């Protein structure tokens, strides 16, 4: 089996068998990675290379937003607005080449990942 195919099978199986909490963490891990990669390219002023990473980050935020049921949790509407804000900032980062916006999104993406990871661990311990 080709290594790319093996990796694709592994990723597919990981996603298919992951709990909802683990899927959320996986999405946030990828969001952080996309923003980090986009920022690295922006810092080199390689705007065409930064674009796909920032676009993928926007897609992840859109998925997080559309899969969220704000009424099902305290602070859900605020979280939905926060996802929308981050997505808009990644659009600015990409379209307007705003490195500051990318850096801001990276800080927030890392905080989101840390917060959801802690929440998942606490839920698992309960």
Foldseek 3Di string as FASTA:
>chain_A
DDPVVVVVVVVVVCCVPDDPLVNVLVLLVLLLVLLVQLLVCLVVVVLVRSVVSLVVNLVSLVVVLVVQDLVVDVCSVVVSVVSVVLSVLSVCCNPVVDSVSSVVSNVVSVVVSVVSVVVVVVVVVD
